[in-house]
């Protein structure tokens, strides 16, 4: 079972859902928004994870992370 569900809502109201256990992916997404690209981390991500990062960096309406372990939700900055 995946711990995190990432939900990205695009400008045209399409929703992309991705389930993962990779905390590094979530930290990388936040850092990409606030800093420059961390190439070593980017190289360690799968193609599916890079598609999620690309969708996040493509000026979405919102990006929500749901944690199934703690039942908490947070919004990444967009």
N, C-alpha and C. Protein backbone atom coordinates (compact mmCIF):
# COMPACT_ATOMS: atom_id res chain seq x y z
N UNK A 1 0.84 -1.18 0.00
CA UNK A 1 0.00 0.00 0.00
C UNK A 1 0.88 1.24 0.00
N UNK A 2 0.54 2.20 -0.81
CA UNK A 2 1.31 3.44 -0.89
C UNK A 2 0.88 4.39 0.21
N UNK A 3 1.87 5.07 0.77
CA UNK A 3 1.59 5.98 1.87
C UNK A 3 1.04 7.32 1.39
N UNK A 4 1.60 7.85 0.32
CA UNK A 4 1.24 9.19 -0.14
C UNK A 4 0.43 9.13 -1.44
N UNK A 5 -0.56 10.01 -1.52
CA UNK A 5 -1.28 10.22 -2.77
C UNK A 5 -1.06 11.68 -3.16
N UNK A 6 -0.52 11.87 -4.34
CA UNK A 6 -0.28 13.22 -4.87
C UNK A 6 -1.40 13.50 -5.87
N UNK A 7 -2.10 14.61 -5.66
CA UNK A 7 -3.19 14.99 -6.55
C UNK A 7 -2.87 16.38 -7.11
N UNK A 8 -2.67 16.42 -8.42
CA UNK A 8 -2.36 17.67 -9.10
C UNK A 8 -3.56 18.04 -9.97
N UNK A 9 -4.07 19.25 -9.78
CA UNK A 9 -5.18 19.75 -10.59
C UNK A 9 -4.62 20.77 -11.57
N UNK A 10 -4.76 20.47 -12.85
CA UNK A 10 -4.21 21.35 -13.89
C UNK A 10 -5.11 22.57 -14.09
N UNK A 11 -4.64 23.52 -14.89
CA UNK A 11 -5.40 24.74 -15.19
C UNK A 11 -6.73 24.44 -15.86
N UNK A 12 -6.79 23.34 -16.64
CA UNK A 12 -8.05 22.98 -17.31
C UNK A 12 -8.85 21.97 -16.48
N UNK A 13 -8.58 21.93 -15.18
CA UNK A 13 -9.35 21.15 -14.18
C UNK A 13 -9.22 19.64 -14.34
N UNK A 14 -8.17 19.17 -14.98
CA UNK A 14 -7.91 17.73 -15.00
C UNK A 14 -7.12 17.37 -13.75
N UNK A 15 -7.43 16.22 -13.18
CA UNK A 15 -6.75 15.79 -11.95
C UNK A 15 -5.88 14.59 -12.23
N UNK A 16 -4.65 14.67 -11.77
CA UNK A 16 -3.68 13.60 -11.91
C UNK A 16 -3.42 13.03 -10.53
N UNK A 17 -3.66 11.74 -10.35
CA UNK A 17 -3.45 11.06 -9.08
C UNK A 17 -2.24 10.15 -9.20
N UNK A 18 -1.37 10.18 -8.21
CA UNK A 18 -0.19 9.32 -8.21
C UNK A 18 0.05 8.85 -6.78
N UNK A 19 0.22 7.56 -6.61
CA UNK A 19 0.48 6.99 -5.29
C UNK A 19 1.93 6.58 -5.19
N UNK A 20 2.55 6.89 -4.05
CA UNK A 20 3.97 6.61 -3.89
C UNK A 20 4.32 6.46 -2.41
N UNK A 21 5.44 5.83 -2.17
CA UNK A 21 6.03 5.77 -0.84
C UNK A 21 7.30 6.62 -0.78
N UNK A 22 7.62 7.28 -1.87
CA UNK A 22 8.87 8.00 -2.02
C UNK A 22 8.79 9.43 -1.45
N UNK A 23 9.27 9.58 -0.22
CA UNK A 23 9.29 10.91 0.40
C UNK A 23 10.24 11.85 -0.34
N UNK A 24 11.28 11.29 -0.92
CA UNK A 24 12.25 12.10 -1.67
C UNK A 24 11.57 12.80 -2.84
N UNK A 25 10.61 12.13 -3.47
CA UNK A 25 9.87 12.73 -4.58
C UNK A 25 9.14 13.99 -4.12
N UNK A 26 8.48 13.91 -2.99
CA UNK A 26 7.71 15.05 -2.48
C UNK A 26 8.64 16.20 -2.10
N UNK A 27 9.74 15.89 -1.44
CA UNK A 27 10.72 16.94 -1.10
C UNK A 27 11.32 17.55 -2.37
N UNK A 28 11.58 16.72 -3.36
CA UNK A 28 12.14 17.20 -4.62
C UNK A 28 11.17 18.14 -5.32
N UNK A 29 9.88 17.80 -5.31
CA UNK A 29 8.88 18.67 -5.92
C UNK A 29 8.87 20.03 -5.25
N UNK A 30 8.89 20.05 -3.93
CA UNK A 30 8.90 21.32 -3.20
C UNK A 30 10.16 22.11 -3.49
N UNK A 31 11.31 21.42 -3.49
CA UNK A 31 12.57 22.11 -3.75
C UNK A 31 12.65 22.64 -5.18
N UNK A 32 12.08 21.93 -6.15
CA UNK A 32 12.06 22.41 -7.53
C UNK A 32 11.28 23.71 -7.64
N UNK A 33 10.27 23.85 -6.82
CA UNK A 33 9.45 25.06 -6.85
C UNK A 33 10.18 26.22 -6.18
N UNK A 34 10.95 25.94 -5.14
CA UNK A 34 11.56 27.00 -4.34
C UNK A 34 13.04 27.24 -4.66
N UNK A 35 13.70 26.27 -5.28
CA UNK A 35 15.14 26.39 -5.59
C UNK A 35 15.42 25.87 -6.98
N UNK A 36 16.69 25.73 -7.29
CA UNK A 36 17.05 25.18 -8.59
C UNK A 36 16.98 23.64 -8.56
N UNK A 37 16.98 23.05 -9.73
CA UNK A 37 16.85 21.61 -9.88
C UNK A 37 18.04 20.88 -9.26
N UNK A 38 17.76 19.87 -8.46
CA UNK A 38 18.79 19.02 -7.85
C UNK A 38 19.00 17.83 -8.80
N UNK A 39 20.02 17.90 -9.64
CA UNK A 39 20.23 16.92 -10.69
C UNK A 39 20.46 15.50 -10.14
N UNK A 40 21.27 15.28 -9.10
CA UNK A 40 21.43 13.91 -8.61
C UNK A 40 20.11 13.27 -8.17
N UNK A 41 19.25 14.04 -7.53
CA UNK A 41 17.96 13.50 -7.12
C UNK A 41 17.10 13.24 -8.36
N UNK A 42 17.11 14.15 -9.30
CA UNK A 42 16.32 13.98 -10.53
C UNK A 42 16.73 12.70 -11.26
N UNK A 43 17.99 12.40 -11.28
CA UNK A 43 18.47 11.20 -11.96
C UNK A 43 18.03 9.92 -11.26
N UNK A 44 17.71 10.01 -9.97
CA UNK A 44 17.29 8.82 -9.23
C UNK A 44 15.79 8.54 -9.34
N UNK A 45 15.02 9.47 -9.90
CA UNK A 45 13.58 9.29 -10.01
C UNK A 45 13.21 8.45 -11.23
N UNK A 46 12.08 7.75 -11.12
CA UNK A 46 11.59 6.96 -12.25
C UNK A 46 10.93 7.87 -13.26
N UNK A 47 10.63 7.32 -14.43
CA UNK A 47 9.95 8.09 -15.47
C UNK A 47 8.58 8.57 -14.98
N UNK A 48 7.84 7.70 -14.30
CA UNK A 48 6.52 8.09 -13.77
C UNK A 48 6.65 9.24 -12.78
N UNK A 49 7.65 9.18 -11.93
CA UNK A 49 7.87 10.25 -10.94
C UNK A 49 8.24 11.56 -11.63
N UNK A 50 9.02 11.49 -12.69
CA UNK A 50 9.38 12.70 -13.43
C UNK A 50 8.16 13.30 -14.14
N UNK A 51 7.22 12.47 -14.57
CA UNK A 51 5.99 12.97 -15.17
C UNK A 51 5.19 13.75 -14.14
N UNK A 52 5.17 13.26 -12.90
CA UNK A 52 4.47 13.96 -11.81
C UNK A 52 5.15 15.30 -11.55
N UNK A 53 6.47 15.32 -11.50
CA UNK A 53 7.21 16.57 -11.27
C UNK A 53 6.92 17.55 -12.41
N UNK A 54 6.91 17.05 -13.63
CA UNK A 54 6.62 17.91 -14.78
C UNK A 54 5.22 18.52 -14.68
N UNK A 55 4.25 17.71 -14.30
CA UNK A 55 2.88 18.22 -14.14
C UNK A 55 2.83 19.26 -13.03
N UNK A 56 3.58 19.05 -11.96
CA UNK A 56 3.61 20.02 -10.86
C UNK A 56 4.24 21.34 -11.28
N UNK A 57 5.27 21.27 -12.10
CA UNK A 57 5.97 22.49 -12.52
C UNK A 57 5.30 23.18 -13.70
N UNK A 58 4.21 22.59 -14.21
CA UNK A 58 3.50 23.13 -15.37
C UNK A 58 2.37 24.07 -14.95
N UNK A 59 2.58 24.82 -13.88
CA UNK A 59 1.64 25.84 -13.42
C UNK A 59 0.24 25.30 -13.15
N UNK A 60 0.11 24.33 -12.23
CA UNK A 60 -1.21 23.77 -11.92
C UNK A 60 -2.03 24.71 -11.05
N UNK A 61 -3.33 24.38 -10.90
CA UNK A 61 -4.19 25.12 -9.98
C UNK A 61 -3.80 24.80 -8.54
N UNK A 62 -3.57 23.51 -8.27
CA UNK A 62 -3.17 23.13 -6.92
C UNK A 62 -2.47 21.77 -6.93
N UNK A 63 -1.77 21.49 -5.86
CA UNK A 63 -1.09 20.21 -5.67
C UNK A 63 -1.29 19.82 -4.21
N UNK A 64 -1.97 18.72 -4.00
CA UNK A 64 -2.28 18.25 -2.66
C UNK A 64 -1.59 16.91 -2.41
N UNK A 65 -1.04 16.76 -1.22
CA UNK A 65 -0.40 15.51 -0.81
C UNK A 65 -1.21 14.95 0.35
N UNK A 66 -1.71 13.73 0.20
CA UNK A 66 -2.44 13.07 1.27
C UNK A 66 -1.56 11.96 1.85
N UNK A 67 -1.42 11.94 3.16
CA UNK A 67 -0.64 10.94 3.87
C UNK A 67 -1.61 9.95 4.50
N UNK A 68 -1.62 8.72 4.02
CA UNK A 68 -2.57 7.73 4.52
C UNK A 68 -2.20 7.22 5.91
N UNK A 69 -0.95 7.37 6.30
CA UNK A 69 -0.52 6.91 7.61
C UNK A 69 -1.00 7.84 8.72
N UNK A 70 -0.89 9.14 8.49
CA UNK A 70 -1.29 10.13 9.51
C UNK A 70 -2.66 10.74 9.22
N UNK A 71 -3.25 10.40 8.07
CA UNK A 71 -4.53 10.97 7.64
C UNK A 71 -4.49 12.49 7.59
N UNK A 72 -3.34 13.02 7.17
CA UNK A 72 -3.20 14.47 7.02
C UNK A 72 -3.03 14.80 5.54
N UNK A 73 -3.34 16.03 5.23
CA UNK A 73 -3.23 16.53 3.88
C UNK A 73 -2.49 17.85 3.91
N UNK A 74 -1.68 18.09 2.87
CA UNK A 74 -0.99 19.37 2.77
C UNK A 74 -0.98 19.82 1.33
N UNK A 75 -0.86 21.12 1.14
CA UNK A 75 -0.81 21.72 -0.18
C UNK A 75 0.61 22.18 -0.46
N UNK A 76 1.14 21.78 -1.60
CA UNK A 76 2.43 22.32 -2.03
C UNK A 76 2.17 23.67 -2.68
N UNK A 77 3.12 24.58 -2.59
CA UNK A 77 2.93 25.90 -3.24
C UNK A 77 2.89 25.75 -4.76
N UNK A 78 2.07 26.57 -5.39
CA UNK A 78 1.99 26.56 -6.86
C UNK A 78 2.17 27.97 -7.38
